[in-house]
């Protein structure tokens, strides 16, 4: 099975790196382990469809924000990426994480394309 890296360095990473984040240069060190991930919403241990709906509702309000920037802010982007990384240890979150990354985590607010989030999303869709 696919396994994510356990740490991410705050530096530029090659576009083809496995599965890491294009937004890393903008983010602090991200470490997600089975014991440390703190879910921003309640999720089901049994239903990936329920988790997808809950995650979409949670992130939709943050994406379509009052500033009309139609992008996740840095904190919410970090949360979306952390959800994706946590899904490797919690497969019931894979569909939710893939959908969130696919719909809301392709671009920064400055318009930078986060290719590694696209790759991570595809890997999580495949896992789900």
C-alpha atoms as a PDB file:
ATOM      1  CA  UNK A   1       0.000   0.000   0.000  1.00  0.00           C
ATOM      2  CA  UNK A   2       0.982   3.628  -0.465  1.00  0.00           C
ATOM      3  CA  UNK A   3       2.572   5.272   2.546  1.00  0.00           C
ATOM      4  CA  UNK A   4       3.076   9.004   2.997  1.00  0.00           C
ATOM      5  CA  UNK A   5       6.278  10.499   4.295  1.00  0.00           C
ATOM      6  CA  UNK A   6       6.157  11.070   8.049  1.00  0.00           C
ATOM      7  CA  UNK A   7       7.705  14.528   7.898  1.00  0.00           C
ATOM      8  CA  UNK A   8       7.689  17.376   5.451  1.00  0.00           C
ATOM      9  CA  UNK A   9      10.495  19.919   5.269  1.00  0.00           C
ATOM     10  CA  UNK A  10       9.740  23.586   4.747  1.00  0.00           C
ATOM     11  CA  UNK A  11      11.683  23.804   1.530  1.00  0.00           C
ATOM     12  CA  UNK A  12      11.048  23.608  -2.173  1.00  0.00           C
ATOM     13  CA  UNK A  13      10.457  20.062  -3.318  1.00  0.00           C
ATOM     14  CA  UNK A  14      10.589  18.595  -6.821  1.00  0.00           C
ATOM     15  CA  UNK A  15       7.296  18.495  -8.687  1.00  0.00           C
ATOM     16  CA  UNK A  16       7.447  14.702  -8.938  1.00  0.00           C
ATOM     17  CA  UNK A  17       8.069  13.987  -5.245  1.00  0.00           C
ATOM     18  CA  UNK A  18       5.932  11.264  -3.663  1.00  0.00           C
ATOM     19  CA  UNK A  19       3.205  12.261  -2.059  1.00  0.00           C
ATOM     20  CA  UNK A  20       4.162  15.621  -0.704  1.00  0.00           C
ATOM     21  CA  UNK A  21       2.859  19.125  -0.901  1.00  0.00           C
ATOM     22  CA  UNK A  22       3.518  21.932  -3.296  1.00  0.00           C
ATOM     23  CA  UNK A  23       2.495  24.332  -0.569  1.00  0.00           C
ATOM     24  CA  UNK A  24       5.242  23.156   1.766  1.00  0.00           C
ATOM     25  CA  UNK A  25       7.296  26.271   1.189  1.00  0.00           C
ATOM     26  CA  UNK A  26       4.371  28.254   2.600  1.00  0.00           C
ATOM     27  CA  UNK A  27       3.684  25.964   5.529  1.00  0.00           C
ATOM     28  CA  UNK A  28       5.388  24.994   8.768  1.00  0.00           C
ATOM     29  CA  UNK A  29       6.722  21.473   9.254  1.00  0.00           C
ATOM     30  CA  UNK A  30       3.814  19.026   8.982  1.00  0.00           C
ATOM     31  CA  UNK A  31       4.034  15.781  10.887  1.00  0.00           C
ATOM     32  CA  UNK A  32       1.002  13.514  10.958  1.00  0.00           C
ATOM     33  CA  UNK A  33       1.052  10.219  12.769  1.00  0.00           C
ATOM     34  CA  UNK A  34      -1.678   7.849  13.836  1.00  0.00           C
ATOM     35  CA  UNK A  35      -1.600   9.244  17.375  1.00  0.00           C
ATOM     36  CA  UNK A  36      -1.253  12.957  16.652  1.00  0.00           C
ATOM     37  CA  UNK A  37      -3.820  13.907  14.010  1.00  0.00           C
ATOM     38  CA  UNK A  38      -6.509  16.145  15.475  1.00  0.00           C
ATOM     39  CA  UNK A  39      -9.627  16.043  13.322  1.00  0.00           C
ATOM     40  CA  UNK A  40     -11.278  19.438  12.784  1.00  0.00           C
ATOM     41  CA  UNK A  41     -14.680  17.723  12.530  1.00  0.00           C
ATOM     42  CA  UNK A  42     -16.311  14.545  13.813  1.00  0.00           C
ATOM     43  CA  UNK A  43     -15.890  11.655  11.427  1.00  0.00           C
ATOM     44  CA  UNK A  44     -17.268   8.157  11.134  1.00  0.00           C
ATOM     45  CA  UNK A  45     -15.065   5.128  11.650  1.00  0.00           C
ATOM     46  CA  UNK A  46     -17.363   3.204   9.275  1.00  0.00           C
ATOM     47  CA  UNK A  47     -18.733   5.413   6.498  1.00  0.00           C
ATOM     48  CA  UNK A  48     -16.510   7.054   3.908  1.00  0.00           C
ATOM     49  CA  UNK A  49     -19.581   8.661   2.272  1.00  0.00           C
ATOM     50  CA  UNK A  50     -20.591  10.357   5.543  1.00  0.00           C
ATOM     51  CA  UNK A  51     -17.014  11.523   6.001  1.00  0.00           C
ATOM     52  CA  UNK A  52     -16.968  12.948   2.490  1.00  0.00           C
ATOM     53  CA  UNK A  53     -20.134  14.941   3.159  1.00  0.00           C
ATOM     54  CA  UNK A  54     -18.863  16.206   6.533  1.00  0.00           C
ATOM     55  CA  UNK A  55     -15.474  17.206   5.140  1.00  0.00           C
ATOM     56  CA  UNK A  56     -17.002  18.940   2.128  1.00  0.00           C
ATOM     57  CA  UNK A  57     -19.325  20.949   4.373  1.00  0.00           C
ATOM     58  CA  UNK A  58     -16.438  21.888   6.673  1.00  0.00           C
ATOM     59  CA  UNK A  59     -14.113  23.059   3.895  1.00  0.00           C
ATOM     60  CA  UNK A  60     -16.734  24.584   1.604  1.00  0.00           C
ATOM     61  CA  UNK A  61     -17.412  27.429   4.044  1.00  0.00           C
ATOM     62  CA  UNK A  62     -13.686  28.084   4.297  1.00  0.00           C
ATOM     63  CA  UNK A  63     -13.160  28.029   0.530  1.00  0.00           C
ATOM     64  CA  UNK A  64     -16.063  30.311  -0.402  1.00  0.00           C
ATOM     65  CA  UNK A  65     -15.042  32.882   2.175  1.00  0.00           C
ATOM     66  CA  UNK A  66     -16.159  36.397   3.045  1.00  0.00           C
ATOM     67  CA  UNK A  67     -13.182  37.906   1.249  1.00  0.00           C
ATOM     68  CA  UNK A  68     -14.434  36.165  -1.935  1.00  0.00           C
ATOM     69  CA  UNK A  69     -10.945  34.814  -2.565  1.00  0.00           C
ATOM     70  CA  UNK A  70     -12.224  31.331  -3.348  1.00  0.00           C
ATOM     71  CA  UNK A  71      -9.167  29.708  -1.868  1.00  0.00           C
ATOM     72  CA  UNK A  72      -8.269  28.141   1.437  1.00  0.00           C
ATOM     73  CA  UNK A  73      -6.240  30.264   3.812  1.00  0.00           C
ATOM     74  CA  UNK A  74      -2.924  28.924   5.083  1.00  0.00           C
ATOM     75  CA  UNK A  75      -4.381  27.354   8.232  1.00  0.00           C
ATOM     76  CA  UNK A  76      -7.204  25.602   6.363  1.00  0.00           C
ATOM     77  CA  UNK A  77      -4.839  24.486   3.620  1.00  0.00           C
ATOM     78  CA  UNK A  78      -2.615  22.906   6.267  1.00  0.00           C
ATOM     79  CA  UNK A  79      -5.690  21.202   7.733  1.00  0.00           C
ATOM     80  CA  UNK A  80      -6.729  19.832   4.321  1.00  0.00           C
ATOM     81  CA  UNK A  81      -3.251  18.476   3.693  1.00  0.00           C
ATOM     82  CA  UNK A  82      -3.117  16.966   7.174  1.00  0.00           C
ATOM     83  CA  UNK A  83      -6.451  15.265   6.475  1.00  0.00           C
ATOM     84  CA  UNK A  84      -4.913  13.765   3.350  1.00  0.00           C
ATOM     85  CA  UNK A  85      -1.881  12.498   5.240  1.00  0.00           C
ATOM     86  CA  UNK A  86      -4.047  11.101   8.067  1.00  0.00           C
ATOM     87  CA  UNK A  87      -6.104   9.156   5.512  1.00  0.00           C
ATOM     88  CA  UNK A  88      -3.167   6.822   4.936  1.00  0.00           C
ATOM     89  CA  UNK A  89      -3.615   5.576   8.520  1.00  0.00           C
ATOM     90  CA  UNK A  90      -7.403   5.937   8.489  1.00  0.00           C
ATOM     91  CA  UNK A  91      -8.644   4.605   5.129  1.00  0.00           C
ATOM     92  CA  UNK A  92     -12.223   5.620   5.954  1.00  0.00           C
ATOM     93  CA  UNK A  93     -11.029   9.227   5.444  1.00  0.00           C
ATOM     94  CA  UNK A  94      -9.431   8.626   2.035  1.00  0.00           C
ATOM     95  CA  UNK A  95     -12.490   9.577  -0.032  1.00  0.00           C
ATOM     96  CA  UNK A  96     -13.140  12.712   2.042  1.00  0.00           C
ATOM     97  CA  UNK A  97      -9.511  13.809   1.885  1.00  0.00           C
ATOM     98  CA  UNK A  98      -9.271  13.131  -1.848  1.00  0.00           C
ATOM     99  CA  UNK A  99     -12.393  15.163  -2.555  1.00  0.00           C
ATOM    100  CA  UNK A 100     -11.294  18.090  -0.363  1.00  0.00           C
ATOM    101  CA  UNK A 101      -7.844  18.203  -1.962  1.00  0.00           C
ATOM    102  CA  UNK A 102      -9.354  17.838  -5.450  1.00  0.00           C
ATOM    103  CA  UNK A 103     -11.875  20.645  -5.049  1.00  0.00           C
ATOM    104  CA  UNK A 104     -10.263  23.088  -2.635  1.00  0.00           C
ATOM    105  CA  UNK A 105      -6.493  22.624  -2.457  1.00  0.00           C
ATOM    106  CA  UNK A 106      -5.137  23.092  -6.000  1.00  0.00           C
ATOM    107  CA  UNK A 107      -4.265  26.768  -5.710  1.00  0.00           C
ATOM    108  CA  UNK A 108      -2.897  29.162  -3.107  1.00  0.00           C
ATOM    109  CA  UNK A 109      -4.517  32.553  -2.663  1.00  0.00           C
ATOM    110  CA  UNK A 110      -1.716  33.987  -4.800  1.00  0.00           C
ATOM    111  CA  UNK A 111      -2.653  31.654  -7.674  1.00  0.00           C
ATOM    112  CA  UNK A 112       0.237  29.199  -7.300  1.00  0.00           C
ATOM    113  CA  UNK A 113      -0.681  25.694  -8.497  1.00  0.00           C
ATOM    114  CA  UNK A 114      -0.022  23.038  -5.858  1.00  0.00           C
ATOM    115  CA  UNK A 115       0.698  20.081  -8.108  1.00  0.00           C
ATOM    116  CA  UNK A 116       1.658  17.747  -5.266  1.00  0.00           C
ATOM    117  CA  UNK A 117      -1.795  18.189  -3.730  1.00  0.00           C
ATOM    118  CA  UNK A 118      -3.271  17.090  -7.053  1.00  0.00           C
ATOM    119  CA  UNK A 119      -1.093  13.971  -6.997  1.00  0.00           C
ATOM    120  CA  UNK A 120      -1.987  13.293  -3.350  1.00  0.00           C
ATOM    121  CA  UNK A 121      -5.678  13.642  -4.196  1.00  0.00           C
ATOM    122  CA  UNK A 122      -5.366  11.125  -7.041  1.00  0.00           C
ATOM    123  CA  UNK A 123      -3.538   8.666  -4.775  1.00  0.00           C
ATOM    124  CA  UNK A 124      -6.261   8.974  -2.145  1.00  0.00           C
ATOM    125  CA  UNK A 125      -9.027   8.499  -4.741  1.00  0.00           C
ATOM    126  CA  UNK A 126      -7.246   5.337  -5.825  1.00  0.00           C
ATOM    127  CA  UNK A 127      -6.963   4.149  -2.212  1.00  0.00           C
ATOM    128  CA  UNK A 128     -10.633   4.883  -1.490  1.00  0.00           C
END
